[in-house]
Amino acid sequence: SAFERYLRNDRKMLTESVSLAEKLRDRLLSQRPDVVLLTGDLTKDGEKLSHQKLRKVLLDPLALAGIKVLVIPGNHDVRNPHAVRFVGDTTFRVPTLSRDEFAEFYSGFGYADALSRDTASLSYVAQLAPGLRILALDACRYDDNDFATDKCYHDGRLKPETWAFARRQLDQAERDGQKMLCMIHHGMVEHWK
């Protein structure tokens, strides 16, 4: 009943998520793209079990097929106090990933092979192809989330250190004769209500 109550107040397609991920996996395996970019909200509120399920159902099969997958977190994926399990009419907190755990868990999906990593966030630069890099920017506010008050920040912002990292990487790409794409979870244009 706690899960049913949650579904009535949330627009996510949680009951369909595994089926949708399987269909996406099958389509990608049949189309065989060189690269898949996942820009966050990989899980339902960062539950460790959701991360594990995503790897099993989608990411690992793509990687085994030789498809490069790069991820960046969304506002739901890291250090989230809303990571819960539903039992009857009650919810219980479950483990979520810290920033370091996220980078380790997704090491094969951008972090291990990064040309450069930002120390202030989960941002990184990866080589997509000869002459083409991607700047994966992390604008999430998981460091501000508060487990004591159950506060989870959904809006994004780039820390000054991350802006500086991005500028250095863009300058380096230009010096190296590389084109640069960017991926980020949060929109660059403000949402309207």
N, C-alpha and C. Protein backbone atom coordinates (compact mmCIF):
# COMPACT_ATOMS: atom_id res chain seq x y z
N SER A 1 0.82 -1.20 0.00
CA SER A 1 0.00 0.00 0.00
C SER A 1 0.86 1.27 0.00
N ALA A 2 2.04 1.22 0.63
CA ALA A 2 2.93 2.39 0.61
C ALA A 2 3.41 2.65 -0.81
N PHE A 3 3.70 1.60 -1.57
CA PHE A 3 4.12 1.77 -2.95
C PHE A 3 2.98 2.33 -3.80
N GLU A 4 1.79 1.81 -3.63
CA GLU A 4 0.63 2.32 -4.37
C GLU A 4 0.39 3.79 -4.06
N ARG A 5 0.53 4.16 -2.80
CA ARG A 5 0.37 5.56 -2.39
C ARG A 5 1.44 6.43 -3.06
N TYR A 6 2.67 5.93 -3.11
CA TYR A 6 3.75 6.65 -3.76
C TYR A 6 3.44 6.87 -5.24
N LEU A 7 2.98 5.82 -5.92
CA LEU A 7 2.67 5.91 -7.35
C LEU A 7 1.59 6.94 -7.65
N ARG A 8 0.64 7.09 -6.76
CA ARG A 8 -0.45 8.06 -6.98
C ARG A 8 0.06 9.50 -6.95
N ASN A 9 1.22 9.73 -6.32
CA ASN A 9 1.75 11.08 -6.17
C ASN A 9 3.03 11.31 -6.96
N ASP A 10 3.36 10.43 -7.89
CA ASP A 10 4.60 10.56 -8.65
C ASP A 10 4.33 10.22 -10.10
N ARG A 11 4.94 10.96 -11.01
CA ARG A 11 4.68 10.75 -12.43
C ARG A 11 5.62 9.75 -13.09
N LYS A 12 6.57 9.19 -12.35
CA LYS A 12 7.50 8.23 -12.93
C LYS A 12 6.78 6.92 -13.26
N MET A 13 7.27 6.24 -14.27
CA MET A 13 6.69 4.96 -14.69
C MET A 13 7.47 3.82 -14.03
N LEU A 14 7.39 3.75 -12.70
CA LEU A 14 8.21 2.81 -11.95
C LEU A 14 7.87 1.35 -12.25
N THR A 15 6.60 1.04 -12.36
CA THR A 15 6.24 -0.36 -12.58
C THR A 15 6.64 -0.82 -13.98
N GLU A 16 6.81 0.10 -14.90
CA GLU A 16 7.19 -0.25 -16.27
C GLU A 16 8.69 -0.12 -16.52
N SER A 17 9.45 0.35 -15.55
CA SER A 17 10.85 0.72 -15.80
C SER A 17 11.73 -0.44 -16.27
N VAL A 18 11.59 -1.62 -15.69
CA VAL A 18 12.43 -2.75 -16.11
C VAL A 18 12.08 -3.14 -17.54
N SER A 19 10.80 -3.21 -17.85
CA SER A 19 10.37 -3.55 -19.21
C SER A 19 10.87 -2.52 -20.22
N LEU A 20 10.79 -1.24 -19.87
CA LEU A 20 11.28 -0.19 -20.76
C LEU A 20 12.80 -0.30 -20.96
N ALA A 21 13.53 -0.59 -19.89
CA ALA A 21 14.99 -0.75 -20.00
C ALA A 21 15.33 -1.96 -20.87
N GLU A 22 14.57 -3.04 -20.75
CA GLU A 22 14.82 -4.22 -21.58
C GLU A 22 14.55 -3.92 -23.05
N LYS A 23 13.48 -3.18 -23.32
CA LYS A 23 13.17 -2.81 -24.71
C LYS A 23 14.25 -1.88 -25.28
N LEU A 24 14.71 -0.94 -24.47
CA LEU A 24 15.79 -0.06 -24.90
C LEU A 24 17.05 -0.87 -25.19
N ARG A 25 17.40 -1.77 -24.28
CA ARG A 25 18.57 -2.63 -24.47
C ARG A 25 18.46 -3.40 -25.79
N ASP A 26 17.31 -4.03 -26.02
CA ASP A 26 17.14 -4.83 -27.23
C ASP A 26 17.24 -3.97 -28.48
N ARG A 27 16.67 -2.79 -28.45
CA ARG A 27 16.74 -1.89 -29.61
C ARG A 27 18.19 -1.45 -29.86
N LEU A 28 18.89 -1.08 -28.78
CA LEU A 28 20.28 -0.65 -28.94
C LEU A 28 21.17 -1.79 -29.43
N LEU A 29 20.92 -3.00 -28.92
CA LEU A 29 21.71 -4.15 -29.38
C LEU A 29 21.45 -4.44 -30.85
N SER A 30 20.23 -4.20 -31.31
CA SER A 30 19.94 -4.44 -32.73
C SER A 30 20.48 -3.31 -33.61
N GLN A 31 20.49 -2.08 -33.12
CA GLN A 31 20.96 -0.94 -33.92
C GLN A 31 22.48 -0.75 -33.84
N ARG A 32 23.11 -1.25 -32.79
CA ARG A 32 24.55 -1.23 -32.61
C ARG A 32 25.19 0.16 -32.76
N PRO A 33 24.75 1.15 -31.97
CA PRO A 33 25.41 2.46 -32.03
C PRO A 33 26.83 2.34 -31.47
N ASP A 34 27.66 3.30 -31.83
CA ASP A 34 29.03 3.31 -31.29
C ASP A 34 29.03 3.72 -29.82
N VAL A 35 28.17 4.69 -29.50
CA VAL A 35 28.15 5.27 -28.15
C VAL A 35 26.72 5.52 -27.71
N VAL A 36 26.47 5.29 -26.42
CA VAL A 36 25.20 5.64 -25.79
C VAL A 36 25.52 6.57 -24.63
N LEU A 37 24.86 7.73 -24.59
CA LEU A 37 25.05 8.71 -23.52
C LEU A 37 23.82 8.70 -22.63
N LEU A 38 24.02 8.47 -21.33
CA LEU A 38 22.92 8.48 -20.37
C LEU A 38 23.13 9.66 -19.43
N THR A 39 22.19 10.59 -19.46
CA THR A 39 22.37 11.87 -18.76
C THR A 39 21.67 11.94 -17.42
N GLY A 40 21.59 10.84 -16.73
CA GLY A 40 21.13 10.87 -15.35
C GLY A 40 19.70 10.49 -15.13
N ASP A 41 19.33 10.51 -13.83
CA ASP A 41 18.11 9.89 -13.34
C ASP A 41 18.10 8.44 -13.82
N LEU A 42 19.18 7.75 -13.48
CA LEU A 42 19.39 6.37 -13.85
C LEU A 42 18.58 5.43 -12.97
N THR A 43 18.16 5.93 -11.80
CA THR A 43 17.53 5.08 -10.79
C THR A 43 16.30 5.77 -10.20
N LYS A 44 15.56 5.01 -9.41
CA LYS A 44 14.49 5.59 -8.61
C LYS A 44 15.12 6.04 -7.30
N ASP A 45 15.46 7.29 -7.21
CA ASP A 45 15.98 7.91 -5.99
C ASP A 45 17.28 7.30 -5.47
N GLY A 46 18.08 6.78 -6.39
CA GLY A 46 19.43 6.38 -6.02
C GLY A 46 19.57 5.12 -5.21
N GLU A 47 18.51 4.31 -5.14
CA GLU A 47 18.64 3.06 -4.38
C GLU A 47 19.75 2.22 -4.98
N LYS A 48 20.61 1.70 -4.15
CA LYS A 48 21.73 0.87 -4.62
C LYS A 48 21.21 -0.29 -5.46
N LEU A 49 20.10 -0.87 -5.05
CA LEU A 49 19.50 -1.97 -5.80
C LEU A 49 19.08 -1.52 -7.20
N SER A 50 18.59 -0.29 -7.34
CA SER A 50 18.21 0.24 -8.66
C SER A 50 19.45 0.39 -9.55
N HIS A 51 20.55 0.86 -8.97
CA HIS A 51 21.80 0.95 -9.73
C HIS A 51 22.22 -0.44 -10.22
N GLN A 52 22.15 -1.43 -9.33
CA GLN A 52 22.54 -2.79 -9.69
C GLN A 52 21.66 -3.35 -10.80
N LYS A 53 20.36 -3.07 -10.71
CA LYS A 53 19.42 -3.55 -11.73
C LYS A 53 19.71 -2.91 -13.09
N LEU A 54 20.01 -1.61 -13.10
CA LEU A 54 20.33 -0.93 -14.34
C LEU A 54 21.57 -1.54 -15.00
N ARG A 55 22.58 -1.81 -14.21
CA ARG A 55 23.79 -2.44 -14.75
C ARG A 55 23.46 -3.80 -15.35
N LYS A 56 22.70 -4.61 -14.63
CA LYS A 56 22.39 -5.97 -15.07
C LYS A 56 21.52 -5.97 -16.33
N VAL A 57 20.50 -5.14 -16.34
CA VAL A 57 19.52 -5.18 -17.43
C VAL A 57 20.00 -4.43 -18.68
N LEU A 58 20.68 -3.29 -18.49
CA LEU A 58 20.99 -2.44 -19.63
C LEU A 58 22.49 -2.26 -19.89
N LEU A 59 23.22 -1.78 -18.91
CA LEU A 59 24.59 -1.34 -19.17
C LEU A 59 25.56 -2.47 -19.46
N ASP A 60 25.56 -3.51 -18.64
CA ASP A 60 26.50 -4.61 -18.85
C ASP A 60 26.27 -5.31 -20.19
N PRO A 61 25.00 -5.60 -20.59
CA PRO A 61 24.81 -6.21 -21.91
C PRO A 61 25.31 -5.33 -23.06
N LEU A 62 25.12 -4.01 -22.96
CA LEU A 62 25.62 -3.12 -24.00
C LEU A 62 27.15 -3.16 -24.04
N ALA A 63 27.78 -3.10 -22.87
CA ALA A 63 29.24 -3.13 -22.81
C ALA A 63 29.78 -4.45 -23.37
N LEU A 64 29.13 -5.55 -23.04
CA LEU A 64 29.57 -6.85 -23.57
C LEU A 64 29.47 -6.91 -25.09
N ALA A 65 28.53 -6.16 -25.66
CA ALA A 65 28.36 -6.12 -27.11
C ALA A 65 29.31 -5.12 -27.76
N GLY A 66 30.16 -4.48 -26.98
CA GLY A 66 31.13 -3.54 -27.52
C GLY A 66 30.59 -2.14 -27.74
N ILE A 67 29.43 -1.84 -27.16
CA ILE A 67 28.85 -0.50 -27.27
C ILE A 67 29.35 0.33 -26.10
N LYS A 68 29.98 1.45 -26.41
CA LYS A 68 30.49 2.33 -25.35
C LYS A 68 29.32 3.07 -24.72
N VAL A 69 29.25 3.03 -23.39
CA VAL A 69 28.20 3.73 -22.65
C VAL A 69 28.87 4.70 -21.68
N LEU A 70 28.42 5.95 -21.71
CA LEU A 70 28.92 6.96 -20.78
C LEU A 70 27.74 7.47 -19.97
N VAL A 71 27.94 7.60 -18.66
CA VAL A 71 26.88 8.06 -17.77
C VAL A 71 27.32 9.31 -17.01
N ILE A 72 26.34 10.04 -16.58
CA ILE A 72 26.51 11.16 -15.66
C ILE A 72 25.31 11.10 -14.72
N PRO A 73 25.46 11.46 -13.44
CA PRO A 73 24.32 11.33 -12.54
C PRO A 73 23.26 12.40 -12.78
N GLY A 74 22.04 12.03 -12.43
CA GLY A 74 20.94 12.99 -12.35
C GLY A 74 20.67 13.30 -10.89
N ASN A 75 19.76 14.19 -10.64
CA ASN A 75 19.49 14.63 -9.27
C ASN A 75 18.91 13.54 -8.37
N HIS A 76 18.52 12.42 -8.92
CA HIS A 76 17.97 11.33 -8.10
C HIS A 76 19.00 10.25 -7.77
N ASP A 77 20.19 10.28 -8.34
CA ASP A 77 21.06 9.11 -8.37
C ASP A 77 22.10 8.98 -7.26
N VAL A 78 22.43 10.04 -6.57
CA VAL A 78 23.55 9.99 -5.62
C VAL A 78 23.11 10.56 -4.27
N ARG A 79 23.50 9.87 -3.21
CA ARG A 79 23.31 10.38 -1.84
C ARG A 79 21.91 10.95 -1.63
N ASN A 80 20.93 10.11 -1.90
CA ASN A 80 19.54 10.55 -1.91
C ASN A 80 18.79 10.02 -0.67
N PRO A 81 18.29 10.91 0.18
CA PRO A 81 17.57 10.45 1.37
C PRO A 81 16.22 9.80 1.05
N HIS A 82 15.77 9.90 -0.19
CA HIS A 82 14.49 9.29 -0.58
C HIS A 82 14.66 7.86 -1.09
N ALA A 83 15.86 7.30 -0.97
CA ALA A 83 16.08 5.90 -1.34
C ALA A 83 15.40 5.02 -0.30
N VAL A 84 14.30 4.40 -0.72
CA VAL A 84 13.50 3.64 0.23
C VAL A 84 13.03 2.31 -0.36
N ARG A 85 12.59 1.47 0.54
CA ARG A 85 11.96 0.19 0.20
C ARG A 85 10.55 0.26 0.75
N PHE A 86 9.62 -0.32 0.05
CA PHE A 86 8.21 -0.30 0.45
C PHE A 86 7.84 -1.67 1.02
N VAL A 87 7.33 -1.68 2.25
CA VAL A 87 6.90 -2.92 2.89
C VAL A 87 5.53 -2.65 3.50
N GLY A 88 4.50 -3.24 2.92
CA GLY A 88 3.15 -2.99 3.41
C GLY A 88 2.82 -1.51 3.31
N ASP A 89 2.42 -0.93 4.43
CA ASP A 89 2.08 0.50 4.41
C ASP A 89 3.22 1.37 4.94
N THR A 90 4.45 0.82 4.96
CA THR A 90 5.60 1.52 5.52
C THR A 90 6.74 1.60 4.49
N THR A 91 7.55 2.63 4.64
CA THR A 91 8.77 2.72 3.85
C THR A 91 9.97 2.69 4.79
N PHE A 92 11.05 2.11 4.31
CA PHE A 92 12.30 2.02 5.05
C PHE A 92 13.43 2.53 4.17
N ARG A 93 14.32 3.31 4.76
CA ARG A 93 15.49 3.77 4.01
C ARG A 93 16.37 2.59 3.64
N VAL A 94 16.94 2.68 2.44
CA VAL A 94 17.87 1.66 1.96
C VAL A 94 19.14 2.35 1.49
N PRO A 95 20.21 1.59 1.31
CA PRO A 95 21.48 2.20 0.90
C PRO A 95 21.36 2.93 -0.44
N THR A 96 22.04 4.06 -0.53
CA THR A 96 22.19 4.84 -1.75
C THR A 96 23.69 5.01 -1.97
N LEU A 97 24.08 5.43 -3.14
CA LEU A 97 25.51 5.57 -3.43
C LEU A 97 26.01 6.97 -3.09
N SER A 98 27.21 7.02 -2.52
CA SER A 98 27.90 8.29 -2.33
C SER A 98 28.53 8.70 -3.66
N ARG A 99 29.11 9.87 -3.70
CA ARG A 99 29.78 10.33 -4.92
C ARG A 99 30.89 9.36 -5.32
N ASP A 100 31.75 9.00 -4.38
CA ASP A 100 32.86 8.09 -4.69
C ASP A 100 32.35 6.71 -5.11
N GLU A 101 31.31 6.23 -4.44
CA GLU A 101 30.74 4.93 -4.79
C GLU A 101 30.13 4.96 -6.20
N PHE A 102 29.50 6.08 -6.57
CA PHE A 102 28.94 6.21 -7.92
C PHE A 102 30.05 6.09 -8.96
N ALA A 103 31.13 6.83 -8.77
CA ALA A 103 32.25 6.79 -9.73
C ALA A 103 32.84 5.39 -9.81
N GLU A 104 32.94 4.71 -8.70
CA GLU A 104 33.47 3.34 -8.71
C GLU A 104 32.49 2.38 -9.38
N PHE A 105 31.21 2.49 -9.03
CA PHE A 105 30.19 1.59 -9.58
C PHE A 105 30.10 1.73 -11.10
N TYR A 106 30.21 2.96 -11.60
CA TYR A 106 30.12 3.23 -13.03
C TYR A 106 31.50 3.46 -13.65
N SER A 107 32.52 2.86 -13.05
CA SER A 107 33.89 3.07 -13.54
C SER A 107 34.03 2.67 -15.01
N GLY A 108 33.36 1.62 -15.43
CA GLY A 108 33.44 1.17 -16.81
C GLY A 108 32.57 1.96 -17.76
N PHE A 109 31.90 2.97 -17.26
CA PHE A 109 30.95 3.74 -18.06
C PHE A 109 31.31 5.24 -18.04
N GLY A 110 32.59 5.50 -18.21
CA GLY A 110 33.07 6.87 -18.32
C GLY A 110 34.16 7.23 -17.35
N TYR A 111 34.06 6.76 -16.12
CA TYR A 111 34.97 7.25 -15.08
C TYR A 111 36.37 6.64 -15.15
N ALA A 112 36.49 5.36 -15.41
CA ALA A 112 37.82 4.73 -15.42
C ALA A 112 38.67 5.20 -16.58
N ASP A 113 38.04 5.45 -17.72
CA ASP A 113 38.80 5.84 -18.92
C ASP A 113 38.79 7.34 -19.16
N ALA A 114 38.34 8.12 -18.19
CA ALA A 114 38.26 9.57 -18.36
C ALA A 114 39.65 10.15 -18.62
N LEU A 115 39.71 11.09 -19.54
CA LEU A 115 40.96 11.82 -19.78
C LEU A 115 41.28 12.74 -18.62
N SER A 116 40.19 13.24 -17.98
CA SER A 116 40.34 14.13 -16.84
C SER A 116 39.08 14.05 -16.00
N ARG A 117 39.23 14.20 -14.67
CA ARG A 117 38.10 14.18 -13.74
C ARG A 117 38.14 15.44 -12.89
N ASP A 118 36.97 15.98 -12.62
CA ASP A 118 36.83 17.13 -11.73
C ASP A 118 36.84 16.63 -10.29
N THR A 119 37.59 17.28 -9.43
CA THR A 119 37.65 16.86 -8.03
C THR A 119 36.46 17.38 -7.21
N ALA A 120 35.72 18.35 -7.74
CA ALA A 120 34.60 18.95 -6.99
C ALA A 120 33.26 18.33 -7.34
N SER A 121 33.23 17.45 -8.34
CA SER A 121 31.96 16.87 -8.77
C SER A 121 32.25 15.55 -9.49
N LEU A 122 31.22 14.98 -10.07
CA LEU A 122 31.38 13.77 -10.87
C LEU A 122 31.53 14.08 -12.36
N SER A 123 31.99 15.26 -12.67
CA SER A 123 32.23 15.66 -14.06
C SER A 123 33.53 15.01 -14.56
N TYR A 124 33.56 14.77 -15.88
CA TYR A 124 34.76 14.20 -16.49
C TYR A 124 34.78 14.49 -17.98
N VAL A 125 35.91 14.20 -18.60
CA VAL A 125 36.07 14.31 -20.05
C VAL A 125 36.45 12.93 -20.57
N ALA A 126 35.80 12.53 -21.67
CA ALA A 126 36.11 11.25 -22.30
C ALA A 126 36.33 11.46 -23.80
N GLN A 127 37.14 10.60 -24.37
CA GLN A 127 37.37 10.62 -25.82
C GLN A 127 36.29 9.76 -26.46
N LEU A 128 35.46 10.36 -27.30
CA LEU A 128 34.39 9.61 -27.98
C LEU A 128 34.90 8.93 -29.24
N ALA A 129 35.72 9.65 -29.97
CA ALA A 129 36.25 9.17 -31.24
C ALA A 129 37.46 10.04 -31.56
N PRO A 130 38.24 9.66 -32.55
CA PRO A 130 39.36 10.54 -32.92
C PRO A 130 38.84 11.95 -33.25
N GLY A 131 39.42 12.93 -32.57
CA GLY A 131 39.03 14.32 -32.81
C GLY A 131 37.76 14.76 -32.10
N LEU A 132 37.17 13.90 -31.26
CA LEU A 132 35.90 14.24 -30.61
C LEU A 132 35.89 13.80 -29.15
N ARG A 133 35.72 14.76 -28.27
CA ARG A 133 35.63 14.50 -26.83
C ARG A 133 34.25 14.90 -26.32
N ILE A 134 33.93 14.37 -25.14
CA ILE A 134 32.70 14.79 -24.48
C ILE A 134 33.03 15.29 -23.09
N LEU A 135 32.42 16.40 -22.75
CA LEU A 135 32.53 16.97 -21.41
C LEU A 135 31.25 16.58 -20.69
N ALA A 136 31.36 15.65 -19.76
CA ALA A 136 30.22 15.17 -18.98
C ALA A 136 30.16 16.01 -17.70
N LEU A 137 29.18 16.88 -17.62
CA LEU A 137 29.08 17.82 -16.49
C LEU A 137 28.07 17.35 -15.46
N ASP A 138 28.48 17.36 -14.23
CA ASP A 138 27.63 16.99 -13.09
C ASP A 138 27.20 18.27 -12.39
N ALA A 139 25.91 18.60 -12.49
CA ALA A 139 25.37 19.81 -11.86
C ALA A 139 24.48 19.47 -10.67
N CYS A 140 24.54 18.24 -10.20
CA CYS A 140 23.64 17.81 -9.11
C CYS A 140 24.08 18.36 -7.76
N ARG A 141 23.12 18.47 -6.86
CA ARG A 141 23.38 19.05 -5.54
C ARG A 141 23.31 18.00 -4.43
N TYR A 142 23.72 16.78 -4.70
CA TYR A 142 23.64 15.70 -3.72
C TYR A 142 24.43 16.00 -2.45
N ASP A 143 25.49 16.81 -2.53
CA ASP A 143 26.25 17.17 -1.33
C ASP A 143 25.40 18.00 -0.36
N ASP A 144 24.37 18.67 -0.89
CA ASP A 144 23.48 19.49 -0.07
C ASP A 144 22.30 18.70 0.51
N ASN A 145 22.05 17.49 -0.01
CA ASN A 145 20.93 16.69 0.50
C ASN A 145 21.10 16.46 2.00
N ASP A 146 19.98 16.44 2.72
CA ASP A 146 20.01 16.33 4.17
C ASP A 146 19.17 15.13 4.62
N PHE A 147 19.83 14.10 5.12
CA PHE A 147 19.13 12.89 5.55
C PHE A 147 18.32 13.13 6.82
N ALA A 148 18.79 14.03 7.69
CA ALA A 148 18.09 14.30 8.96
C ALA A 148 16.72 14.94 8.71
N THR A 149 16.64 15.81 7.70
CA THR A 149 15.37 16.50 7.40
C THR A 149 14.68 15.92 6.18
N ASP A 150 15.26 14.87 5.58
CA ASP A 150 14.69 14.22 4.40
C ASP A 150 14.61 15.17 3.21
N LYS A 151 15.54 16.12 3.13
CA LYS A 151 15.56 17.12 2.06
C LYS A 151 16.45 16.65 0.92
N CYS A 152 15.87 16.63 -0.28
CA CYS A 152 16.61 16.26 -1.48
C CYS A 152 16.48 17.38 -2.50
N TYR A 153 17.61 17.90 -2.95
CA TYR A 153 17.61 19.00 -3.91
C TYR A 153 17.53 18.45 -5.33
N HIS A 154 16.60 18.97 -6.09
CA HIS A 154 16.40 18.51 -7.46
C HIS A 154 16.95 19.49 -8.49
N ASP A 155 17.09 20.75 -8.10
CA ASP A 155 17.61 21.73 -9.04
C ASP A 155 19.12 21.53 -9.19
N GLY A 156 19.67 22.08 -10.24
CA GLY A 156 21.10 21.90 -10.50
C GLY A 156 21.85 23.21 -10.44
N ARG A 157 23.16 23.08 -10.28
CA ARG A 157 24.05 24.23 -10.33
C ARG A 157 25.46 23.68 -10.49
N LEU A 158 26.27 24.44 -11.19
CA LEU A 158 27.67 24.07 -11.33
C LEU A 158 28.48 24.84 -10.30
N LYS A 159 29.29 24.12 -9.54
CA LYS A 159 30.17 24.75 -8.56
C LYS A 159 31.22 25.58 -9.29
N PRO A 160 31.75 26.62 -8.66
CA PRO A 160 32.81 27.42 -9.30
C PRO A 160 34.00 26.55 -9.73
N GLU A 161 34.33 25.55 -8.93
CA GLU A 161 35.45 24.66 -9.28
C GLU A 161 35.13 23.86 -10.55
N THR A 162 33.86 23.49 -10.71
CA THR A 162 33.45 22.72 -11.90
C THR A 162 33.44 23.61 -13.13
N TRP A 163 33.01 24.88 -12.98
CA TRP A 163 33.12 25.83 -14.09
C TRP A 163 34.57 25.95 -14.53
N ALA A 164 35.47 26.07 -13.57
CA ALA A 164 36.90 26.21 -13.88
C ALA A 164 37.41 24.95 -14.57
N PHE A 165 37.00 23.78 -14.08
CA PHE A 165 37.36 22.51 -14.72
C PHE A 165 36.89 22.50 -16.18
N ALA A 166 35.63 22.89 -16.41
CA ALA A 166 35.08 22.90 -17.77
C ALA A 166 35.86 23.84 -18.67
N ARG A 167 36.18 25.02 -18.17
CA ARG A 167 36.96 25.98 -18.98
C ARG A 167 38.34 25.41 -19.35
N ARG A 168 38.99 24.78 -18.37
CA ARG A 168 40.31 24.19 -18.63
C ARG A 168 40.20 23.08 -19.69
N GLN A 169 39.15 22.28 -19.59
CA GLN A 169 38.99 21.17 -20.53
C GLN A 169 38.66 21.67 -21.94
N LEU A 170 37.85 22.72 -22.02
CA LEU A 170 37.53 23.30 -23.33
C LEU A 170 38.77 23.91 -23.96
N ASP A 171 39.57 24.60 -23.16
CA ASP A 171 40.82 25.18 -23.66
C ASP A 171 41.78 24.08 -24.13
N GLN A 172 41.86 23.00 -23.34
CA GLN A 172 42.75 21.89 -23.69
C GLN A 172 42.29 21.23 -24.98
N ALA A 173 41.00 21.05 -25.14
CA ALA A 173 40.48 20.44 -26.37
C ALA A 173 40.82 21.30 -27.58
N GLU A 174 40.70 22.61 -27.42
CA GLU A 174 41.04 23.50 -28.53
C GLU A 174 42.53 23.40 -28.87
N ARG A 175 43.38 23.38 -27.84
CA ARG A 175 44.82 23.24 -28.08
C ARG A 175 45.15 21.91 -28.76
N ASP A 176 44.39 20.87 -28.41
CA ASP A 176 44.64 19.53 -28.98
C ASP A 176 43.94 19.33 -30.32
N GLY A 177 43.22 20.33 -30.80
CA GLY A 177 42.51 20.20 -32.07
C GLY A 177 41.31 19.26 -31.99
N GLN A 178 40.67 19.20 -30.82
CA GLN A 178 39.53 18.31 -30.59
C GLN A 178 38.23 19.11 -30.58
N LYS A 179 37.20 18.56 -31.16
CA LYS A 179 35.86 19.12 -30.99
C LYS A 179 35.32 18.59 -29.67
N MET A 180 34.42 19.36 -29.03
CA MET A 180 33.92 18.96 -27.72
C MET A 180 32.40 19.03 -27.71
N LEU A 181 31.78 17.95 -27.30
CA LEU A 181 30.36 17.92 -27.00
C LEU A 181 30.20 17.99 -25.49
N CYS A 182 29.02 18.33 -25.05
CA CYS A 182 28.75 18.38 -23.61
C CYS A 182 27.47 17.61 -23.32
N MET A 183 27.47 16.90 -22.21
CA MET A 183 26.22 16.30 -21.72
C MET A 183 26.08 16.67 -20.25
N ILE A 184 24.83 16.94 -19.87
CA ILE A 184 24.52 17.36 -18.51
C ILE A 184 23.08 16.95 -18.24
N HIS A 185 22.78 16.62 -17.02
CA HIS A 185 21.42 16.20 -16.68
C HIS A 185 20.45 17.37 -16.69
N HIS A 186 20.80 18.43 -16.03
CA HIS A 186 19.89 19.57 -15.88
C HIS A 186 19.86 20.40 -17.16
N GLY A 187 18.71 20.93 -17.46
CA GLY A 187 18.57 21.79 -18.63
C GLY A 187 19.33 23.08 -18.44
N MET A 188 19.79 23.62 -19.53
CA MET A 188 20.52 24.89 -19.47
C MET A 188 19.56 26.08 -19.51
N VAL A 189 18.31 25.81 -19.86
CA VAL A 189 17.28 26.86 -19.85
C VAL A 189 16.37 26.56 -18.67
N GLU A 190 16.05 27.59 -17.89
CA GLU A 190 15.24 27.40 -16.70
C GLU A 190 13.87 26.80 -17.04
N HIS A 191 13.44 25.85 -16.21
CA HIS A 191 12.09 25.28 -16.36
C HIS A 191 11.06 26.34 -16.06
N TRP A 192 9.93 26.26 -16.70
CA TRP A 192 8.84 27.13 -16.29
C TRP A 192 7.81 26.26 -15.61
N LYS A 193 7.07 26.88 -14.67
CA LYS A 193 6.14 26.14 -13.83
C LYS A 193 4.93 25.69 -14.63
